Amino acid sequence: MEVREYFAGLSALIGKLPWEEIEGFVGLLREARERGSCVFVFGNGGSATTASHFACDLGKGTVREGVPRFRVVTLHDLATFSAYANDYGYETVFAEPLKSLARPGDVAVGISASGNSPNVLRAMEVAREMGLRTVGLTGYRGGKLRDLVELCIIVPSEDMQHIEDMHLAILHAVFRALLDDG
């Protein structure tokens, strides 16, 4: 694939994004900030770095005089992550910290391009049981994550890199919308 083809594919994909769900996510996060709820963000591989990037944007980038700060946590602490993976299995690495840290009304944001990452799915099951608001960012047709979350933002593509690029672009757009609240 040529470089220009790649970007042409991204450009075409922008017009197909689920705008209503993205705007719903902005509203959900506004409510969470006003309530003082914590936002937990997590994913694997490239999605883990996207989760960390988004947490940084929310936690640091939205700080404004007179606007409540976001309480945001990524669930990728290496020691905790590897301890759960080693002792209880990789599928527990996000669910177990949620059990310790989350409270009803908090928000769980799981990023899984395939929508089928067992550890993201398990965390969403726990989040629902605990009374958290749940949001998924995925691609393809949403995978199993689509049916486990209250709000699912599906990037309608079969191309993993396009999905990952769009996830970051969507989260940047959400951040900018929240930034304008100040």
C-alpha atoms as a PDB file:
ATOM      1  CA  MET A   1       0.000   0.000   0.000  1.00  0.00           C
ATOM      2  CA  GLU A   2       1.294   3.394  -0.920  1.00  0.00           C
ATOM      3  CA  VAL A   3       1.447   6.190   1.643  1.00  0.00           C
ATOM      4  CA  ARG A   4      -1.168   8.269  -0.163  1.00  0.00           C
ATOM      5  CA  GLU A   5      -3.535   5.284  -0.297  1.00  0.00           C
ATOM      6  CA  TYR A   6      -3.244   4.876   3.447  1.00  0.00           C
ATOM      7  CA  PHE A   7      -4.236   8.479   4.079  1.00  0.00           C
ATOM      8  CA  ALA A   8      -7.008   8.323   1.478  1.00  0.00           C
ATOM      9  CA  GLY A   9      -8.447   5.400   3.449  1.00  0.00           C
ATOM     10  CA  LEU A  10      -8.276   7.411   6.669  1.00  0.00           C
ATOM     11  CA  SER A  11      -9.914  10.367   5.000  1.00  0.00           C
ATOM     12  CA  ALA A  12     -12.806   8.228   3.720  1.00  0.00           C
ATOM     13  CA  LEU A  13     -13.247   6.698   7.159  1.00  0.00           C
ATOM     14  CA  ILE A  14     -13.746  10.058   8.882  1.00  0.00           C
ATOM     15  CA  GLY A  15     -17.116  10.519   7.198  1.00  0.00           C
ATOM     16  CA  LYS A  16     -18.297   7.140   8.490  1.00  0.00           C
ATOM     17  CA  LEU A  17     -17.575   7.706  12.188  1.00  0.00           C
ATOM     18  CA  PRO A  18     -20.445   7.248  14.682  1.00  0.00           C
ATOM     19  CA  TRP A  19     -20.929  10.934  15.536  1.00  0.00           C
ATOM     20  CA  GLU A  20     -23.885  10.428  17.884  1.00  0.00           C
ATOM     21  CA  GLU A  21     -21.927   7.980  20.041  1.00  0.00           C
ATOM     22  CA  ILE A  22     -18.866  10.240  20.100  1.00  0.00           C
ATOM     23  CA  GLU A  23     -20.992  13.199  21.219  1.00  0.00           C
ATOM     24  CA  GLY A  24     -22.665  10.948  23.793  1.00  0.00           C
ATOM     25  CA  PHE A  25     -19.224  10.115  25.171  1.00  0.00           C
ATOM     26  CA  VAL A  26     -18.468  13.815  25.591  1.00  0.00           C
ATOM     27  CA  GLY A  27     -21.715  14.239  27.539  1.00  0.00           C
ATOM     28  CA  LEU A  28     -21.011  11.208  29.703  1.00  0.00           C
ATOM     29  CA  LEU A  29     -17.561  12.568  30.594  1.00  0.00           C
ATOM     30  CA  ARG A  30     -18.961  16.026  31.364  1.00  0.00           C
ATOM     31  CA  GLU A  31     -21.371  14.432  33.820  1.00  0.00           C
ATOM     32  CA  ALA A  32     -18.589  12.337  35.358  1.00  0.00           C
ATOM     33  CA  ARG A  33     -16.421  15.414  35.878  1.00  0.00           C
ATOM     34  CA  GLU A  34     -19.260  17.300  37.561  1.00  0.00           C
ATOM     35  CA  ARG A  35     -20.021  14.330  39.859  1.00  0.00           C
ATOM     36  CA  GLY A  36     -16.360  13.873  40.727  1.00  0.00           C
ATOM     37  CA  SER A  37     -16.430  10.349  39.322  1.00  0.00           C
ATOM     38  CA  CYS A  38     -13.218   8.624  38.359  1.00  0.00           C
ATOM     39  CA  VAL A  39     -12.530   7.630  34.748  1.00  0.00           C
ATOM     40  CA  PHE A  40     -10.613   4.373  34.281  1.00  0.00           C
ATOM     41  CA  VAL A  41      -9.026   3.870  30.844  1.00  0.00           C
ATOM     42  CA  PHE A  42      -7.382   0.670  29.602  1.00  0.00           C
ATOM     43  CA  GLY A  43      -6.384  -1.385  26.577  1.00  0.00           C
ATOM     44  CA  ASN A  44      -3.627  -3.642  25.235  1.00  0.00           C
ATOM     45  CA  GLY A  45      -0.613  -2.872  23.064  1.00  0.00           C
ATOM     46  CA  GLY A  46      -1.222   0.198  20.916  1.00  0.00           C
ATOM     47  CA  SER A  47      -4.549   0.675  22.680  1.00  0.00           C
ATOM     48  CA  ALA A  48      -2.697   0.849  26.009  1.00  0.00           C
ATOM     49  CA  THR A  49      -0.653   3.774  24.748  1.00  0.00           C
ATOM     50  CA  THR A  50      -3.823   5.404  23.401  1.00  0.00           C
ATOM     51  CA  ALA A  51      -5.417   4.933  26.832  1.00  0.00           C
ATOM     52  CA  SER A  52      -2.415   6.537  28.539  1.00  0.00           C
ATOM     53  CA  HIS A  53      -2.419   9.411  26.066  1.00  0.00           C
ATOM     54  CA  PHE A  54      -6.125  10.063  26.667  1.00  0.00           C
ATOM     55  CA  ALA A  55      -5.700   9.891  30.444  1.00  0.00           C
ATOM     56  CA  CYS A  56      -2.920  12.469  30.234  1.00  0.00           C
ATOM     57  CA  ASP A  57      -5.080  14.749  28.077  1.00  0.00           C
ATOM     58  CA  LEU A  58      -8.008  14.483  30.519  1.00  0.00           C
ATOM     59  CA  GLY A  59      -5.971  14.689  33.717  1.00  0.00           C
ATOM     60  CA  LYS A  60      -3.589  17.470  32.783  1.00  0.00           C
ATOM     61  CA  GLY A  61      -4.880  19.053  29.606  1.00  0.00           C
ATOM     62  CA  THR A  62      -8.345  20.025  30.803  1.00  0.00           C
ATOM     63  CA  VAL A  63      -7.222  21.859  33.948  1.00  0.00           C
ATOM     64  CA  ARG A  64      -8.902  25.283  33.949  1.00  0.00           C
ATOM     65  CA  GLU A  65      -9.697  27.823  36.652  1.00  0.00           C
ATOM     66  CA  GLY A  66     -13.211  27.260  37.988  1.00  0.00           C
ATOM     67  CA  VAL A  67     -13.710  23.903  36.210  1.00  0.00           C
ATOM     68  CA  PRO A  68     -13.580  20.658  38.208  1.00  0.00           C
ATOM     69  CA  ARG A  69     -10.584  18.488  37.440  1.00  0.00           C
ATOM     70  CA  PHE A  70     -10.949  15.046  35.959  1.00  0.00           C
ATOM     71  CA  ARG A  71     -10.101  12.129  38.187  1.00  0.00           C
ATOM     72  CA  VAL A  72      -8.562   9.707  35.709  1.00  0.00           C
ATOM     73  CA  VAL A  73      -6.539   6.501  36.067  1.00  0.00           C
ATOM     74  CA  THR A  74      -5.012   4.086  33.574  1.00  0.00           C
ATOM     75  CA  LEU A  75      -4.890   0.453  34.641  1.00  0.00           C
ATOM     76  CA  HIS A  76      -1.453  -0.254  33.186  1.00  0.00           C
ATOM     77  CA  ASP A  77       0.829   0.018  36.227  1.00  0.00           C
ATOM     78  CA  LEU A  78       3.542  -2.485  35.348  1.00  0.00           C
ATOM     79  CA  ALA A  79       3.986  -4.092  38.763  1.00  0.00           C
ATOM     80  CA  THR A  80       0.266  -4.544  39.399  1.00  0.00           C
ATOM     81  CA  PHE A  81      -0.409  -5.570  35.800  1.00  0.00           C
ATOM     82  CA  SER A  82       2.313  -8.229  35.746  1.00  0.00           C
ATOM     83  CA  ALA A  83       1.450  -9.537  39.227  1.00  0.00           C
ATOM     84  CA  TYR A  84      -2.171 -10.187  38.260  1.00  0.00           C
ATOM     85  CA  ALA A  85      -1.109 -11.658  34.906  1.00  0.00           C
ATOM     86  CA  ASN A  86       1.344 -13.996  36.590  1.00  0.00           C
ATOM     87  CA  ASP A  87      -0.779 -15.018  39.573  1.00  0.00           C
ATOM     88  CA  TYR A  88      -4.335 -15.003  38.223  1.00  0.00           C
ATOM     89  CA  GLY A  89      -4.094 -14.880  34.437  1.00  0.00           C
ATOM     90  CA  TYR A  90      -3.827 -12.173  31.820  1.00  0.00           C
ATOM     91  CA  GLU A  91      -7.594 -11.798  31.567  1.00  0.00           C
ATOM     92  CA  THR A  92      -7.674 -10.364  35.128  1.00  0.00           C
ATOM     93  CA  VAL A  93      -5.188  -7.509  34.691  1.00  0.00           C
ATOM     94  CA  PHE A  94      -7.847  -4.772  34.355  1.00  0.00           C
ATOM     95  CA  ALA A  95     -10.760  -6.338  36.240  1.00  0.00           C
ATOM     96  CA  GLU A  96      -8.935  -6.858  39.523  1.00  0.00           C
ATOM     97  CA  PRO A  97      -7.653  -3.266  39.896  1.00  0.00           C
ATOM     98  CA  LEU A  98     -11.159  -2.030  39.048  1.00  0.00           C
ATOM     99  CA  LYS A  99     -12.518  -4.103  41.930  1.00  0.00           C
ATOM    100  CA  SER A 100     -10.107  -2.315  44.270  1.00  0.00           C
ATOM    101  CA  LEU A 101     -10.397   1.229  42.946  1.00  0.00           C
ATOM    102  CA  ALA A 102     -13.762   1.821  41.299  1.00  0.00           C
ATOM    103  CA  ARG A 103     -17.031   2.997  42.836  1.00  0.00           C
ATOM    104  CA  PRO A 104     -20.557   3.056  41.423  1.00  0.00           C
ATOM    105  CA  GLY A 105     -20.981   5.927  38.976  1.00  0.00           C
ATOM    106  CA  ASP A 106     -17.335   5.889  37.883  1.00  0.00           C
ATOM    107  CA  VAL A 107     -16.583   5.396  34.191  1.00  0.00           C
ATOM    108  CA  ALA A 108     -14.731   2.486  32.566  1.00  0.00           C
ATOM    109  CA  VAL A 109     -13.348   3.144  29.074  1.00  0.00           C
ATOM    110  CA  GLY A 110     -12.030   0.031  27.354  1.00  0.00           C
ATOM    111  CA  ILE A 111     -10.139   0.290  24.078  1.00  0.00           C
ATOM    112  CA  SER A 112      -9.907  -2.845  21.948  1.00  0.00           C
ATOM    113  CA  ALA A 113      -9.594  -2.550  18.185  1.00  0.00           C
ATOM    114  CA  SER A 114     -10.968  -6.063  17.709  1.00  0.00           C
ATOM    115  CA  GLY A 115     -13.523  -5.741  20.479  1.00  0.00           C
ATOM    116  CA  ASN A 116     -12.567  -9.216  21.649  1.00  0.00           C
ATOM    117  CA  SER A 117      -9.669  -8.782  24.090  1.00  0.00           C
ATOM    118  CA  PRO A 118     -10.501 -11.113  27.008  1.00  0.00           C
ATOM    119  CA  ASN A 119      -9.013  -8.804  29.645  1.00  0.00           C
ATOM    120  CA  VAL A 120     -10.994  -5.796  28.375  1.00  0.00           C
ATOM    121  CA  LEU A 121     -14.179  -7.872  28.214  1.00  0.00           C
ATOM    122  CA  ARG A 122     -13.676  -9.191  31.757  1.00  0.00           C
ATOM    123  CA  ALA A 123     -13.067  -5.670  33.054  1.00  0.00           C
ATOM    124  CA  MET A 124     -16.300  -4.481  31.432  1.00  0.00           C
ATOM    125  CA  GLU A 125     -18.228  -7.331  33.039  1.00  0.00           C
ATOM    126  CA  VAL A 126     -16.839  -6.295  36.432  1.00  0.00           C
ATOM    127  CA  ALA A 127     -17.530  -2.619  35.712  1.00  0.00           C
ATOM    128  CA  ARG A 128     -21.175  -3.370  34.936  1.00  0.00           C
ATOM    129  CA  GLU A 129     -21.548  -5.502  38.071  1.00  0.00           C
ATOM    130  CA  MET A 130     -20.107  -2.632  40.132  1.00  0.00           C
ATOM    131  CA  GLY A 131     -22.436   0.006  38.659  1.00  0.00           C
ATOM    132  CA  LEU A 132     -19.901   1.865  36.501  1.00  0.00           C
ATOM    133  CA  ARG A 133     -20.781   3.657  33.291  1.00  0.00           C
ATOM    134  CA  THR A 134     -19.144   1.723  30.459  1.00  0.00           C
ATOM    135  CA  VAL A 135     -17.702   2.908  27.161  1.00  0.00           C
ATOM    136  CA  GLY A 136     -15.936   0.867  24.497  1.00  0.00           C
ATOM    137  CA  LEU A 137     -13.828   2.000  21.564  1.00  0.00           C
ATOM    138  CA  THR A 138     -13.496  -0.695  18.970  1.00  0.00           C
ATOM    139  CA  GLY A 139     -13.378  -1.406  15.265  1.00  0.00           C
ATOM    140  CA  TYR A 140     -14.496  -4.007  12.760  1.00  0.00           C
ATOM    141  CA  ARG A 141     -18.093  -4.735  13.808  1.00  0.00           C
ATOM    142  CA  GLY A 142     -17.559  -4.096  17.514  1.00  0.00           C
ATOM    143  CA  GLY A 143     -16.742  -7.620  18.606  1.00  0.00           C
ATOM    144  CA  LYS A 144     -18.071  -8.870  21.936  1.00  0.00           C
ATOM    145  CA  LEU A 145     -17.318  -5.495  23.520  1.00  0.00           C
ATOM    146  CA  ARG A 146     -20.226  -3.942  21.623  1.00  0.00           C
ATOM    147  CA  ASP A 147     -22.751  -5.885  23.712  1.00  0.00           C
ATOM    148  CA  LEU A 148     -21.002  -5.370  27.062  1.00  0.00           C
ATOM    149  CA  VAL A 149     -20.929  -1.579  27.166  1.00  0.00           C
ATOM    150  CA  GLU A 150     -23.486   1.158  27.544  1.00  0.00           C
ATOM    151  CA  LEU A 151     -21.883   3.236  24.799  1.00  0.00           C
ATOM    152  CA  CYS A 152     -19.815   1.698  22.007  1.00  0.00           C
ATOM    153  CA  ILE A 153     -17.861   3.784  19.525  1.00  0.00           C
ATOM    154  CA  ILE A 154     -17.150   1.498  16.592  1.00  0.00           C
ATOM    155  CA  VAL A 155     -14.728   2.628  13.909  1.00  0.00           C
ATOM    156  CA  PRO A 156     -16.244   0.915  10.854  1.00  0.00           C
ATOM    157  CA  SER A 157     -13.060  -0.491   9.328  1.00  0.00           C
ATOM    158  CA  GLU A 158     -11.309  -3.813   8.845  1.00  0.00           C
ATOM    159  CA  ASP A 159      -7.861  -2.149   8.921  1.00  0.00           C
ATOM    160  CA  MET A 160      -6.188  -2.320  12.355  1.00  0.00           C
ATOM    161  CA  GLN A 161      -3.972   0.719  11.790  1.00  0.00           C
ATOM    162  CA  HIS A 162      -6.884   2.827  10.549  1.00  0.00           C
ATOM    163  CA  ILE A 163      -8.893   1.783  13.611  1.00  0.00           C
ATOM    164  CA  GLU A 164      -6.065   2.688  15.978  1.00  0.00           C
ATOM    165  CA  ASP A 165      -5.495   6.032  14.232  1.00  0.00           C
ATOM    166  CA  MET A 166      -9.194   6.865  14.437  1.00  0.00           C
ATOM    167  CA  HIS A 167      -9.343   5.925  18.121  1.00  0.00           C
ATOM    168  CA  LEU A 168      -6.690   8.501  18.912  1.00  0.00           C
ATOM    169  CA  ALA A 169      -8.333  11.101  16.660  1.00  0.00           C
ATOM    170  CA  ILE A 170     -11.719  10.490  18.317  1.00  0.00           C
ATOM    171  CA  LEU A 171     -10.211  10.820  21.781  1.00  0.00           C
ATOM    172  CA  HIS A 172      -8.463  14.029  20.754  1.00  0.00           C
ATOM    173  CA  ALA A 173     -11.792  15.404  19.505  1.00  0.00           C
ATOM    174  CA  VAL A 174     -13.460  14.408  22.794  1.00  0.00           C
ATOM    175  CA  PHE A 175     -10.644  16.097  24.722  1.00  0.00           C
ATOM    176  CA  ARG A 176     -11.003  19.288  22.671  1.00  0.00           C
ATOM    177  CA  ALA A 177     -14.768  19.354  23.274  1.00  0.00           C
ATOM    178  CA  LEU A 178     -14.139  19.010  27.022  1.00  0.00           C
ATOM    179  CA  LEU A 179     -11.404  21.634  26.888  1.00  0.00           C
ATOM    180  CA  ASP A 180     -13.918  24.136  25.517  1.00  0.00           C
ATOM    181  CA  ASP A 181     -15.998  23.755  28.708  1.00  0.00           C
ATOM    182  CA  GLY A 182     -13.733  26.141  30.603  1.00  0.00           C
END
